[in-house]
Each structure stands twice: as structure tokens, then as C-alpha cells.
PDB file of N, CA and C in Angstrom:
ATOM      1  N   MET A   1      24.894  -8.988  10.267  1.00  0.00           N
ATOM      2  CA  MET A   1      23.796  -9.687  10.774  1.00  0.00           C
ATOM      3  C   MET A   1      24.279 -10.681  11.844  1.00  0.00           C
ATOM      4  N   ASN A   2      23.579 -10.791  12.934  1.00  0.00           N
ATOM      5  CA  ASN A   2      24.028 -11.708  13.976  1.00  0.00           C
ATOM      6  C   ASN A   2      23.652 -13.126  13.591  1.00  0.00           C
ATOM      7  N   SER A   3      24.303 -14.104  14.166  1.00  0.00           N
ATOM      8  CA  SER A   3      24.206 -15.512  13.764  1.00  0.00           C
ATOM      9  C   SER A   3      22.776 -16.054  14.037  1.00  0.00           C
ATOM     10  N   ARG A   4      22.119 -15.568  15.116  1.00  0.00           N
ATOM     11  CA  ARG A   4      20.764 -16.050  15.444  1.00  0.00           C
ATOM     12  C   ARG A   4      19.772 -15.602  14.335  1.00  0.00           C
ATOM     13  N   LEU A   5      19.825 -14.333  13.956  1.00  0.00           N
ATOM     14  CA  LEU A   5      19.008 -13.837  12.931  1.00  0.00           C
ATOM     15  C   LEU A   5      19.307 -14.483  11.568  1.00  0.00           C
ATOM     16  N   TYR A   6      20.546 -14.686  11.221  1.00  0.00           N
ATOM     17  CA  TYR A   6      20.907 -15.396  10.037  1.00  0.00           C
ATOM     18  C   TYR A   6      20.314 -16.791   9.991  1.00  0.00           C
ATOM     19  N   SER A   7      20.438 -17.469  11.138  1.00  0.00           N
ATOM     20  CA  SER A   7      19.887 -18.870  11.253  1.00  0.00           C
ATOM     21  C   SER A   7      18.299 -18.853  11.020  1.00  0.00           C
ATOM     22  N   GLU A   8      17.632 -17.915  11.547  1.00  0.00           N
ATOM     23  CA  GLU A   8      16.184 -17.770  11.401  1.00  0.00           C
ATOM     24  C   GLU A   8      15.850 -17.469   9.960  1.00  0.00           C
ATOM     25  N   VAL A   9      16.609 -16.583   9.297  1.00  0.00           N
ATOM     26  CA  VAL A   9      16.292 -16.159   7.909  1.00  0.00           C
ATOM     27  C   VAL A   9      16.510 -17.346   6.962  1.00  0.00           C
ATOM     28  N   THR A  10      17.681 -18.059   7.152  1.00  0.00           N
ATOM     29  CA  THR A  10      17.969 -19.200   6.274  1.00  0.00           C
ATOM     30  C   THR A  10      17.034 -20.349   6.494  1.00  0.00           C
ATOM     31  N   ALA A  11      16.585 -20.488   7.753  1.00  0.00           N
ATOM     32  CA  ALA A  11      15.647 -21.533   8.086  1.00  0.00           C
ATOM     33  C   ALA A  11      14.292 -21.313   7.354  1.00  0.00           C
ATOM     34  N   LYS A  12      13.911 -20.051   7.256  1.00  0.00           N
ATOM     35  CA  LYS A  12      12.639 -19.666   6.625  1.00  0.00           C
ATOM     36  C   LYS A  12      12.739 -19.600   5.115  1.00  0.00           C
ATOM     37  N   TYR A  13      13.791 -18.937   4.585  1.00  0.00           N
ATOM     38  CA  TYR A  13      13.930 -18.668   3.183  1.00  0.00           C
ATOM     39  C   TYR A  13      15.009 -19.431   2.425  1.00  0.00           C
ATOM     40  N   GLY A  14      15.818 -20.192   3.109  1.00  0.00           N
ATOM     41  CA  GLY A  14      16.890 -20.851   2.473  1.00  0.00           C
ATOM     42  C   GLY A  14      18.102 -19.905   2.314  1.00  0.00           C
ATOM     43  N   ASP A  15      19.126 -20.415   1.646  1.00  0.00           N
ATOM     44  CA  ASP A  15      20.334 -19.578   1.417  1.00  0.00           C
ATOM     45  C   ASP A  15      19.998 -18.475   0.412  1.00  0.00           C
ATOM     46  N   ALA A  16      20.813 -17.433   0.371  1.00  0.00           N
ATOM     47  CA  ALA A  16      20.648 -16.298  -0.585  1.00  0.00           C
ATOM     48  C   ALA A  16      20.747 -16.920  -1.979  1.00  0.00           C
ATOM     49  N   PRO A  17      19.845 -16.479  -2.857  1.00  0.00           N
ATOM     50  CA  PRO A  17      19.825 -16.988  -4.281  1.00  0.00           C
ATOM     51  C   PRO A  17      21.120 -16.630  -4.997  1.00  0.00           C
ATOM     52  N   ALA A  18      21.606 -17.570  -5.783  1.00  0.00           N
ATOM     53  CA  ALA A  18      22.885 -17.422  -6.489  1.00  0.00           C
ATOM     54  C   ALA A  18      22.690 -17.204  -7.976  1.00  0.00           C
ATOM     55  N   ASN A  19      21.436 -17.335  -8.486  1.00  0.00           N
ATOM     56  CA  ASN A  19      21.139 -17.169  -9.850  1.00  0.00           C
ATOM     57  C   ASN A  19      19.658 -16.772 -10.045  1.00  0.00           C
ATOM     58  N   ALA A  20      19.310 -16.450 -11.307  1.00  0.00           N
ATOM     59  CA  ALA A  20      17.991 -15.973 -11.572  1.00  0.00           C
ATOM     60  C   ALA A  20      16.911 -17.001 -11.247  1.00  0.00           C
ATOM     61  N   THR A  21      17.149 -18.302 -11.419  1.00  0.00           N
ATOM     62  CA  THR A  21      16.165 -19.347 -11.131  1.00  0.00           C
ATOM     63  C   THR A  21      15.958 -19.408  -9.567  1.00  0.00           C
ATOM     64  N   GLU A  22      17.055 -19.346  -8.896  1.00  0.00           N
ATOM     65  CA  GLU A  22      16.915 -19.351  -7.454  1.00  0.00           C
ATOM     66  C   GLU A  22      16.248 -18.122  -6.930  1.00  0.00           C
ATOM     67  N   ALA A  23      16.553 -16.949  -7.572  1.00  0.00           N
ATOM     68  CA  ALA A  23      15.956 -15.754  -7.193  1.00  0.00           C
ATOM     69  C   ALA A  23      14.421 -15.776  -7.318  1.00  0.00           C
ATOM     70  N   LEU A  24      13.954 -16.338  -8.436  1.00  0.00           N
ATOM     71  CA  LEU A  24      12.505 -16.498  -8.663  1.00  0.00           C
ATOM     72  C   LEU A  24      11.909 -17.308  -7.530  1.00  0.00           C
ATOM     73  N   ALA A  25      12.467 -18.426  -7.227  1.00  0.00           N
ATOM     74  CA  ALA A  25      11.999 -19.298  -6.183  1.00  0.00           C
ATOM     75  C   ALA A  25      11.945 -18.601  -4.819  1.00  0.00           C
ATOM     76  N   HIS A  26      13.012 -17.792  -4.583  1.00  0.00           N
ATOM     77  CA  HIS A  26      13.139 -17.016  -3.371  1.00  0.00           C
ATOM     78  C   HIS A  26      12.025 -16.004  -3.214  1.00  0.00           C
ATOM     79  N   VAL A  27      11.738 -15.274  -4.306  1.00  0.00           N
ATOM     80  CA  VAL A  27      10.680 -14.264  -4.328  1.00  0.00           C
ATOM     81  C   VAL A  27       9.330 -14.920  -4.006  1.00  0.00           C
ATOM     82  N   LEU A  28       9.077 -16.091  -4.629  1.00  0.00           N
ATOM     83  CA  LEU A  28       7.838 -16.782  -4.434  1.00  0.00           C
ATOM     84  C   LEU A  28       7.717 -17.264  -3.039  1.00  0.00           C
ATOM     85  N   CYS A  29       8.803 -17.698  -2.463  1.00  0.00           N
ATOM     86  CA  CYS A  29       8.810 -18.134  -1.000  1.00  0.00           C
ATOM     87  C   CYS A  29       8.521 -16.974  -0.104  1.00  0.00           C
ATOM     88  N   ALA A  30       9.255 -15.872  -0.313  1.00  0.00           N
ATOM     89  CA  ALA A  30       9.134 -14.757   0.542  1.00  0.00           C
ATOM     90  C   ALA A  30       7.733 -14.073   0.512  1.00  0.00           C
ATOM     91  N   HIS A  31       7.112 -14.212  -0.633  1.00  0.00           N
ATOM     92  CA  HIS A  31       5.792 -13.551  -0.791  1.00  0.00           C
ATOM     93  C   HIS A  31       4.728 -14.607  -1.060  1.00  0.00           C
ATOM     94  N   ALA A  32       4.809 -15.768  -0.453  1.00  0.00           N
ATOM     95  CA  ALA A  32       3.878 -16.854  -0.717  1.00  0.00           C
ATOM     96  C   ALA A  32       2.500 -16.555  -0.401  1.00  0.00           C
ATOM     97  N   ASN A  33       2.231 -15.629   0.483  1.00  0.00           N
ATOM     98  CA  ASN A  33       0.837 -15.340   0.891  1.00  0.00           C
ATOM     99  C   ASN A  33       0.170 -14.295   0.022  1.00  0.00           C
ATOM    100  N   LEU A  34       0.893 -13.676  -0.932  1.00  0.00           N
ATOM    101  CA  LEU A  34       0.261 -12.719  -1.822  1.00  0.00           C
ATOM    102  C   LEU A  34      -0.662 -13.453  -2.858  1.00  0.00           C
ATOM    103  N   PRO A  35      -1.818 -12.758  -3.192  1.00  0.00           N
ATOM    104  CA  PRO A  35      -2.662 -13.386  -4.187  1.00  0.00           C
ATOM    105  C   PRO A  35      -2.119 -13.325  -5.563  1.00  0.00           C
ATOM    106  N   ASP A  36      -2.591 -14.179  -6.419  1.00  0.00           N
ATOM    107  CA  ASP A  36      -2.121 -14.248  -7.896  1.00  0.00           C
ATOM    108  C   ASP A  36      -2.274 -12.945  -8.612  1.00  0.00           C
ATOM    109  N   ASP A  37      -3.239 -12.133  -8.191  1.00  0.00           N
ATOM    110  CA  ASP A  37      -3.437 -10.883  -9.005  1.00  0.00           C
ATOM    111  C   ASP A  37      -2.604  -9.712  -8.455  1.00  0.00           C
ATOM    112  N   HIS A  38      -1.783  -9.948  -7.430  1.00  0.00           N
ATOM    113  CA  HIS A  38      -0.852  -8.854  -6.954  1.00  0.00           C
ATOM    114  C   HIS A  38       0.212  -8.624  -7.991  1.00  0.00           C
ATOM    115  N   MET A  39       0.375  -7.368  -8.357  1.00  0.00           N
ATOM    116  CA  MET A  39       1.390  -6.903  -9.296  1.00  0.00           C
ATOM    117  C   MET A  39       2.741  -6.972  -8.682  1.00  0.00           C
ATOM    118  N   ALA A  40       3.606  -7.867  -9.130  1.00  0.00           N
ATOM    119  CA  ALA A  40       4.968  -8.062  -8.587  1.00  0.00           C
ATOM    120  C   ALA A  40       5.985  -7.092  -9.269  1.00  0.00           C
ATOM    121  N   VAL A  41       5.878  -7.019 -10.569  1.00  0.00           N
ATOM    122  CA  VAL A  41       6.845  -6.175 -11.339  1.00  0.00           C
ATOM    123  C   VAL A  41       5.912  -5.278 -12.270  1.00  0.00           C
ATOM    124  N   GLN A  42       5.904  -4.008 -12.082  1.00  0.00           N
ATOM    125  CA  GLN A  42       5.092  -3.137 -12.841  1.00  0.00           C
ATOM    126  C   GLN A  42       5.906  -2.571 -13.997  1.00  0.00           C
ATOM    127  N   ALA A  43       5.446  -2.726 -15.251  1.00  0.00           N
ATOM    128  CA  ALA A  43       6.165  -2.237 -16.404  1.00  0.00           C
ATOM    129  C   ALA A  43       5.652  -0.879 -16.784  1.00  0.00           C
ATOM    130  N   THR A  44       4.323  -0.758 -16.886  1.00  0.00           N
ATOM    131  CA  THR A  44       3.703   0.554 -17.256  1.00  0.00           C
ATOM    132  C   THR A  44       2.446   0.774 -16.406  1.00  0.00           C
ATOM    133  N   ARG A  45       2.114   2.042 -16.362  1.00  0.00           N
ATOM    134  CA  ARG A  45       0.828   2.437 -15.695  1.00  0.00           C
ATOM    135  C   ARG A  45       0.177   3.539 -16.427  1.00  0.00           C
ATOM    136  N   ASP A  46      -1.073   3.371 -16.789  1.00  0.00           N
ATOM    137  CA  ASP A  46      -1.916   4.380 -17.493  1.00  0.00           C
ATOM    138  C   ASP A  46      -1.425   4.605 -18.899  1.00  0.00           C
ATOM    139  N   LEU A  47      -0.460   3.896 -19.417  1.00  0.00           N
ATOM    140  CA  LEU A  47       0.079   4.074 -20.729  1.00  0.00           C
ATOM    141  C   LEU A  47      -0.996   3.642 -21.797  1.00  0.00           C
ATOM    142  N   TYR A  48      -1.621   2.477 -21.469  1.00  0.00           N
ATOM    143  CA  TYR A  48      -2.706   1.954 -22.376  1.00  0.00           C
ATOM    144  C   TYR A  48      -4.107   2.348 -22.032  1.00  0.00           C
ATOM    145  N   GLY A  49      -4.250   3.292 -21.117  1.00  0.00           N
ATOM    146  CA  GLY A  49      -5.536   3.828 -20.644  1.00  0.00           C
ATOM    147  C   GLY A  49      -5.518   4.002 -19.194  1.00  0.00           C
ATOM    148  N   ASP A  50      -6.474   4.748 -18.672  1.00  0.00           N
ATOM    149  CA  ASP A  50      -6.560   5.040 -17.305  1.00  0.00           C
ATOM    150  C   ASP A  50      -6.731   3.768 -16.482  1.00  0.00           C
ATOM    151  N   GLY A  51      -5.835   3.573 -15.482  1.00  0.00           N
ATOM    152  CA  GLY A  51      -5.882   2.454 -14.613  1.00  0.00           C
ATOM    153  C   GLY A  51      -5.293   1.141 -15.154  1.00  0.00           C
ATOM    154  N   VAL A  52      -4.840   1.145 -16.412  1.00  0.00           N
ATOM    155  CA  VAL A  52      -4.301  -0.081 -17.018  1.00  0.00           C
ATOM    156  C   VAL A  52      -2.792  -0.104 -16.615  1.00  0.00           C
ATOM    157  N   ARG A  53      -2.494  -1.296 -15.952  1.00  0.00           N
ATOM    158  CA  ARG A  53      -1.091  -1.561 -15.630  1.00  0.00           C
ATOM    159  C   ARG A  53      -0.583  -2.825 -16.357  1.00  0.00           C
ATOM    160  N   THR A  54       0.651  -2.799 -16.728  1.00  0.00           N
ATOM    161  CA  THR A  54       1.200  -4.028 -17.391  1.00  0.00           C
ATOM    162  C   THR A  54       2.402  -4.392 -16.510  1.00  0.00           C
ATOM    163  N   GLY A  55       2.711  -5.646 -16.630  1.00  0.00           N
ATOM    164  CA  GLY A  55       3.824  -6.276 -15.844  1.00  0.00           C
ATOM    165  C   GLY A  55       3.618  -7.632 -15.551  1.00  0.00           C
ATOM    166  N   LEU A  56       4.216  -8.102 -14.445  1.00  0.00           N
ATOM    167  CA  LEU A  56       4.098  -9.457 -13.966  1.00  0.00           C
ATOM    168  C   LEU A  56       3.411  -9.553 -12.652  1.00  0.00           C
ATOM    169  N   THR A  57       2.354 -10.340 -12.558  1.00  0.00           N
ATOM    170  CA  THR A  57       1.729 -10.576 -11.314  1.00  0.00           C
ATOM    171  C   THR A  57       2.324 -11.752 -10.542  1.00  0.00           C
ATOM    172  N   MET A  58       1.962 -11.982  -9.344  1.00  0.00           N
ATOM    173  CA  MET A  58       2.457 -13.123  -8.612  1.00  0.00           C
ATOM    174  C   MET A  58       1.987 -14.427  -9.320  1.00  0.00           C
ATOM    175  N   GLY A  59       0.818 -14.392  -9.845  1.00  0.00           N
ATOM    176  CA  GLY A  59       0.308 -15.536 -10.576  1.00  0.00           C
ATOM    177  C   GLY A  59       1.171 -15.854 -11.835  1.00  0.00           C
ATOM    178  N   ASP A  60       1.641 -14.749 -12.518  1.00  0.00           N
ATOM    179  CA  ASP A  60       2.531 -14.925 -13.647  1.00  0.00           C
ATOM    180  C   ASP A  60       3.838 -15.579 -13.230  1.00  0.00           C
ATOM    181  N   LEU A  61       4.382 -15.108 -12.107  1.00  0.00           N
ATOM    182  CA  LEU A  61       5.661 -15.644 -11.600  1.00  0.00           C
ATOM    183  C   LEU A  61       5.487 -17.093 -11.186  1.00  0.00           C
ATOM    184  N   ARG A  62       4.323 -17.441 -10.599  1.00  0.00           N
ATOM    185  CA  ARG A  62       4.068 -18.845 -10.228  1.00  0.00           C
ATOM    186  C   ARG A  62       3.960 -19.725 -11.443  1.00  0.00           C
ATOM    187  N   ALA A  63       3.344 -19.154 -12.502  1.00  0.00           N
ATOM    188  CA  ALA A  63       3.191 -19.882 -13.770  1.00  0.00           C
ATOM    189  C   ALA A  63       4.607 -20.137 -14.442  1.00  0.00           C
ATOM    190  N   ILE A  64       5.406 -19.092 -14.407  1.00  0.00           N
ATOM    191  CA  ILE A  64       6.792 -19.254 -14.915  1.00  0.00           C
ATOM    192  C   ILE A  64       7.554 -20.292 -14.110  1.00  0.00           C
ATOM    193  N   GLN A  65       7.383 -20.293 -12.792  1.00  0.00           N
ATOM    194  CA  GLN A  65       8.065 -21.263 -11.923  1.00  0.00           C
ATOM    195  C   GLN A  65       7.556 -22.705 -12.348  1.00  0.00           C
ATOM    196  N   ALA A  66       6.260 -22.841 -12.544  1.00  0.00           N
ATOM    197  CA  ALA A  66       5.728 -24.200 -12.917  1.00  0.00           C
ATOM    198  C   ALA A  66       6.260 -24.625 -14.276  1.00  0.00           C
ATOM    199  N   GLN A  67       6.423 -23.698 -15.226  1.00  0.00           N
ATOM    200  CA  GLN A  67       7.002 -24.054 -16.469  1.00  0.00           C
ATOM    201  C   GLN A  67       8.452 -24.446 -16.363  1.00  0.00           C
ATOM    202  N   LEU A  68       9.167 -23.732 -15.558  1.00  0.00           N
ATOM    203  CA  LEU A  68      10.619 -24.104 -15.304  1.00  0.00           C
ATOM    204  C   LEU A  68      10.683 -25.492 -14.660  1.00  0.00           C
ATOM    205  N   ASP A  69       9.793 -25.787 -13.706  1.00  0.00           N
ATOM    206  CA  ASP A  69       9.811 -27.120 -13.075  1.00  0.00           C
ATOM    207  C   ASP A  69       9.458 -28.210 -14.026  1.00  0.00           C
ATOM    208  N   ALA A  70       8.658 -27.925 -15.089  1.00  0.00           N
ATOM    209  CA  ALA A  70       8.210 -28.936 -16.020  1.00  0.00           C
ATOM    210  C   ALA A  70       9.410 -29.281 -17.024  1.00  0.00           C
ATOM    211  N   ILE A  71      10.345 -28.359 -17.126  1.00  0.00           N
ATOM    212  CA  ILE A  71      11.450 -28.616 -18.117  1.00  0.00           C
ATOM    213  C   ILE A  71      12.429 -29.569 -17.439  1.00  0.00           C
ATOM    214  N   GLU A  72      12.859 -30.531 -18.145  1.00  0.00           N
ATOM    215  CA  GLU A  72      13.896 -31.497 -17.612  1.00  0.00           C
ATOM    216  C   GLU A  72      15.175 -30.744 -17.330  1.00  0.00           C
ATOM    217  N   GLN A  73      15.599 -30.751 -16.060  1.00  0.00           N
ATOM    218  CA  GLN A  73      16.778 -30.030 -15.629  1.00  0.00           C
ATOM    219  C   GLN A  73      17.600 -30.926 -14.716  1.00  0.00           C
ATOM    220  N   PRO A  74      18.854 -30.626 -14.512  1.00  0.00           N
ATOM    221  CA  PRO A  74      19.622 -31.437 -13.630  1.00  0.00           C
ATOM    222  C   PRO A  74      19.197 -31.377 -12.230  1.00  0.00           C
ATOM    223  N   GLN A  75      18.541 -30.260 -11.831  1.00  0.00           N
ATOM    224  CA  GLN A  75      17.878 -30.196 -10.493  1.00  0.00           C
ATOM    225  C   GLN A  75      16.598 -29.341 -10.621  1.00  0.00           C
ATOM    226  N   ASP A  76      15.749 -29.440  -9.649  1.00  0.00           N
ATOM    227  CA  ASP A  76      14.468 -28.700  -9.735  1.00  0.00           C
ATOM    228  C   ASP A  76      14.771 -27.184  -9.669  1.00  0.00           C
ATOM    229  N   ALA A  77      13.960 -26.446 -10.417  1.00  0.00           N
ATOM    230  CA  ALA A  77      14.099 -24.976 -10.393  1.00  0.00           C
ATOM    231  C   ALA A  77      13.782 -24.434  -8.982  1.00  0.00           C
ATOM    232  N   ASP A  78      12.825 -25.091  -8.296  1.00  0.00           N
ATOM    233  CA  ASP A  78      12.376 -24.604  -7.020  1.00  0.00           C
ATOM    234  C   ASP A  78      13.295 -25.128  -5.945  1.00  0.00           C
ATOM    235  N   VAL A  79      14.454 -24.472  -5.834  1.00  0.00           N
ATOM    236  CA  VAL A  79      15.489 -24.854  -4.905  1.00  0.00           C
ATOM    237  C   VAL A  79      15.257 -24.308  -3.498  1.00  0.00           C
ATOM    238  N   VAL A  80      14.413 -23.237  -3.378  1.00  0.00           N
ATOM    239  CA  VAL A  80      14.068 -22.743  -2.077  1.00  0.00           C
ATOM    240  C   VAL A  80      12.879 -23.493  -1.583  1.00  0.00           C
ATOM    241  N   HIS A  81      12.982 -24.250  -0.566  1.00  0.00           N
ATOM    242  CA  HIS A  81      11.920 -25.054   0.005  1.00  0.00           C
ATOM    243  C   HIS A  81      10.994 -24.114   0.775  1.00  0.00           C
ATOM    244  N   LEU A  82       9.692 -24.143   0.370  1.00  0.00           N
ATOM    245  CA  LEU A  82       8.685 -23.299   1.011  1.00  0.00           C
ATOM    246  C   LEU A  82       8.352 -23.865   2.369  1.00  0.00           C
ATOM    247  N   ARG A  83       8.213 -22.977   3.335  1.00  0.00           N
ATOM    248  CA  ARG A  83       7.723 -23.382   4.652  1.00  0.00           C
ATOM    249  C   ARG A  83       6.576 -22.388   4.945  1.00  0.00           C
ATOM    250  N   ARG A  84       5.409 -22.897   4.821  1.00  0.00           N
ATOM    251  CA  ARG A  84       4.202 -22.062   5.089  1.00  0.00           C
ATOM    252  C   ARG A  84       3.924 -22.034   6.542  1.00  0.00           C
ATOM    253  N   THR A  85       3.538 -20.770   6.949  1.00  0.00           N
ATOM    254  CA  THR A  85       3.211 -20.617   8.361  1.00  0.00           C
ATOM    255  C   THR A  85       1.734 -20.460   8.567  1.00  0.00           C
TER     256      THR A  85
END
């Protein structure tokens, strides 16, 4: 990757995530415009009936992030600073 592109990517999304907490914040940053009902991780489809999907929505991931932020930690879980366009 050239240095200009790297600079643009890191300015928008921050550094590459180094752990699961950072990865969650990174996903939320990269997909900030998706609605809460968007399926982010699909576990099953049609297993519980026609059209029934299970998994995690963007809203679920945002709720998990909020719960992580509420837990007393040495640093905030939301280490990727969102920049909305």
C-alpha cells in the first residue's frame, strides 16, 4: 500500500485493530452508516422457519460496544475514533 493511501485509511479508520475490542470498534467505524437492523454476522438462515435469520445485527454490535464502554477499564473500549462524513 502506498503511503498516501495508508495515511488516508488511518486518518479515517485509525490504526489496524490489535485485539477483539479494537476490532469491534473498527467494524462499527467502518460501517457507521448501516442501520441497526442490518445483519452483520449471520449464524443461521431458515433453520427456525422460512426467512428466519439468527446472528448479530449492527444494533447488537453497537449495544455490545456500549456495554463494554460502561465497564470500568484502563482505557475506553472505543479506541477507534469515529469520523462521520
